[in-house]
Amino acid sequence: MGTGRIFALLIVAATMGCASEKSATASAKTLSVPLTPGVETPVCPLAGAGASGTATILIASDNSSITATVTYAGLSGDATAAHIHFGKAATAGPVVLPFSGSLASPFSKTFTAADYVAAAGAPPDFRSFVIALNAGGAAYLNVHTAACKPGEIRGDIP
């Protein structure tokens, strides 16, 4: 085998090694989201005086899942629904990832493509939504109560 050919094979092997190393070092993205009544659109006048919460959003390194963990206190009543919506700050947007099961604080759910609701005005699929979420400013999370049907607390996902 000629020296040139060996050199070319070494370059290809080194390039492939760098690509795998880059993939192996990709990490999950964690976002912290404060939830308050004042960010809700529209603000609910019946929100609990001390209503607040936090959400931690974990986007898997391969973008295959989003885990959301929500903790809240001081709501006007029991949580009746909670969702991740597609939408920018101070705007209402469509639900794309609804929570299910118990909404007693704290609650958590890992969302995958199977959970995604391709609502009008939202990205067409989970992959596109995750790309928008990673870019920032494209989604929010809120928690609803009977007194605040459109939502009592909300946090815009940075």
Protein backbone atom coordinates (compact mmCIF):
# COMPACT_ATOMS: atom_id res chain seq x y z
CA MET A 1 0.00 0.00 0.00
CA GLY A 2 1.42 3.42 -0.95
CA THR A 3 2.25 6.12 1.58
CA GLY A 4 -0.39 8.43 0.09
CA ARG A 5 -3.10 5.82 0.46
CA ILE A 6 -2.14 5.08 4.09
CA PHE A 7 -2.14 8.80 4.84
CA ALA A 8 -5.62 9.17 3.30
CA LEU A 9 -6.95 6.26 5.39
CA LEU A 10 -5.49 7.82 8.55
CA ILE A 11 -7.24 11.11 7.78
CA VAL A 12 -10.57 9.33 7.24
CA ALA A 13 -10.14 7.37 10.49
CA ALA A 14 -9.24 10.51 12.43
CA THR A 15 -12.24 12.39 11.02
CA MET A 16 -14.59 9.54 11.96
CA GLY A 17 -13.11 9.46 15.45
CA CYS A 18 -13.75 13.18 15.86
CA ALA A 19 -17.36 12.80 14.70
CA SER A 20 -18.00 10.01 17.19
CA GLU A 21 -16.32 11.95 19.96
CA LYS A 22 -18.54 14.95 19.20
CA SER A 23 -21.66 12.75 19.35
CA ALA A 24 -20.53 11.13 22.57
CA THR A 25 -19.96 14.50 24.23
CA ALA A 26 -23.35 15.98 23.27
CA SER A 27 -25.26 16.65 26.44
CA ALA A 28 -28.83 17.09 27.50
CA LYS A 29 -30.14 20.64 27.84
CA THR A 30 -31.77 21.65 31.13
CA LEU A 31 -33.97 24.72 31.42
CA SER A 32 -35.39 26.21 34.60
CA VAL A 33 -38.75 27.93 34.22
CA PRO A 34 -40.41 30.03 36.96
CA LEU A 35 -44.23 29.80 36.90
CA THR A 36 -46.21 32.87 38.00
CA PRO A 37 -49.72 34.29 37.57
CA GLY A 38 -48.35 37.53 36.08
CA VAL A 39 -46.95 35.75 33.01
CA GLU A 40 -50.27 34.02 32.24
CA THR A 41 -52.03 35.37 29.15
CA PRO A 42 -54.57 36.63 30.04
CA VAL A 43 -53.80 37.11 33.73
CA CYS A 44 -56.47 35.41 35.86
CA PRO A 45 -57.85 37.78 38.52
CA LEU A 46 -58.92 34.77 40.63
CA ALA A 47 -55.40 33.29 40.88
CA GLY A 48 -54.28 32.33 44.36
CA ALA A 49 -52.51 35.17 46.20
CA GLY A 50 -49.37 33.07 46.60
CA ALA A 51 -49.62 31.05 43.40
CA SER A 52 -46.20 30.16 42.04
CA GLY A 53 -44.18 27.26 40.78
CA THR A 54 -41.17 26.05 38.88
CA ALA A 55 -40.67 23.71 35.98
CA THR A 56 -37.51 21.94 34.97
CA ILE A 57 -37.35 21.03 31.30
CA LEU A 58 -34.77 18.43 30.23
CA ILE A 59 -34.23 17.99 26.49
CA ALA A 60 -32.45 14.69 25.77
CA SER A 61 -29.09 15.03 24.05
CA ASP A 62 -30.44 13.19 21.00
CA ASN A 63 -33.63 15.34 20.99
CA SER A 64 -35.77 12.20 21.32
CA SER A 65 -37.56 13.24 24.50
CA ILE A 66 -38.46 16.15 26.74
CA THR A 67 -38.90 15.56 30.46
CA ALA A 68 -40.85 18.22 32.33
CA THR A 69 -41.05 18.28 36.12
CA VAL A 70 -43.44 20.78 37.69
CA THR A 71 -43.76 21.91 41.30
CA TYR A 72 -46.29 24.49 42.44
CA ALA A 73 -48.00 25.92 45.53
CA GLY A 74 -50.67 28.45 46.44
CA LEU A 75 -53.05 27.85 43.55
CA SER A 76 -56.71 28.87 43.92
CA GLY A 77 -57.66 25.17 43.85
CA ASP A 78 -56.59 21.82 42.49
CA ALA A 79 -54.80 21.74 39.17
CA THR A 80 -57.26 20.62 36.48
CA ALA A 81 -54.89 20.60 33.51
CA ALA A 82 -51.29 21.38 32.58
CA HIS A 83 -49.69 21.67 29.16
CA ILE A 84 -46.69 22.74 27.16
CA HIS A 85 -47.87 25.14 24.46
CA PHE A 86 -46.20 26.38 21.31
CA GLY A 87 -46.12 30.16 21.55
CA LYS A 88 -43.99 33.19 22.30
CA ALA A 89 -44.06 35.30 25.48
CA ALA A 90 -47.29 37.21 26.13
CA THR A 91 -49.23 35.25 23.50
CA ALA A 92 -51.58 32.30 23.77
CA GLY A 93 -50.64 29.31 21.66
CA PRO A 94 -51.85 25.80 20.92
CA VAL A 95 -51.30 22.87 23.28
CA VAL A 96 -48.66 20.52 21.86
CA LEU A 97 -47.71 18.38 24.88
CA PRO A 98 -50.50 17.72 27.43
CA PHE A 99 -49.72 16.26 30.83
CA SER A 100 -51.83 13.29 31.89
CA GLY A 101 -52.42 11.48 35.16
CA SER A 102 -52.21 13.11 38.56
CA LEU A 103 -51.39 16.81 38.55
CA ALA A 104 -50.74 16.98 42.29
CA SER A 105 -47.50 18.84 42.94
CA PRO A 106 -44.89 17.73 42.05
CA PHE A 107 -45.64 15.94 38.78
CA SER A 108 -43.45 14.88 35.90
CA LYS A 109 -43.76 13.43 32.43
CA THR A 110 -41.33 12.36 29.73
CA PHE A 111 -42.73 13.33 26.34
CA THR A 112 -41.77 11.64 23.08
CA ALA A 113 -42.93 11.95 19.48
CA ALA A 114 -45.95 9.77 20.33
CA ASP A 115 -47.23 12.44 22.76
CA TYR A 116 -46.98 15.36 20.35
CA VAL A 117 -50.19 17.06 19.20
CA ALA A 118 -49.65 18.69 15.81
CA ALA A 119 -52.04 21.57 16.45
CA ALA A 120 -52.83 24.32 13.95
CA GLY A 121 -50.15 27.01 14.16
CA ALA A 122 -47.59 24.68 15.76
CA PRO A 123 -44.65 22.81 14.21
CA PRO A 124 -45.83 19.79 12.20
CA ASP A 125 -44.02 17.18 14.30
CA PHE A 126 -42.13 16.55 17.54
CA ARG A 127 -38.70 16.84 15.91
CA SER A 128 -39.54 20.31 14.53
CA PHE A 129 -40.94 21.36 17.91
CA VAL A 130 -37.76 20.26 19.72
CA ILE A 131 -35.67 22.26 17.23
CA ALA A 132 -37.79 25.36 18.00
CA LEU A 133 -37.58 24.65 21.74
CA ASN A 134 -33.79 24.41 21.56
CA ALA A 135 -33.66 27.73 19.69
CA GLY A 136 -35.51 29.38 22.61
CA GLY A 137 -38.56 31.54 23.10
CA ALA A 138 -40.98 29.24 21.28
CA ALA A 139 -42.96 27.59 24.06
CA TYR A 140 -44.45 27.94 27.50
CA LEU A 141 -45.84 25.72 30.24
CA ASN A 142 -48.93 26.50 32.27
CA VAL A 143 -51.12 25.00 34.97
CA HIS A 144 -54.92 25.46 34.96
CA THR A 145 -57.48 25.42 37.79
CA ALA A 146 -61.29 25.55 37.90
CA ALA A 147 -61.16 29.25 38.85
CA CYS A 148 -58.60 30.00 36.12
CA LYS A 149 -59.67 27.86 33.17
CA PRO A 150 -57.29 29.55 30.63
CA GLY A 151 -54.43 29.06 33.12
CA GLU A 152 -53.42 30.21 36.60
CA ILE A 153 -49.61 30.12 36.42
CA ARG A 154 -47.37 30.18 33.39
CA GLY A 155 -43.70 30.17 32.56
CA ASP A 156 -42.18 31.01 29.21
CA ILE A 157 -39.54 28.42 28.32
CA PRO A 158 -36.31 30.30 27.58
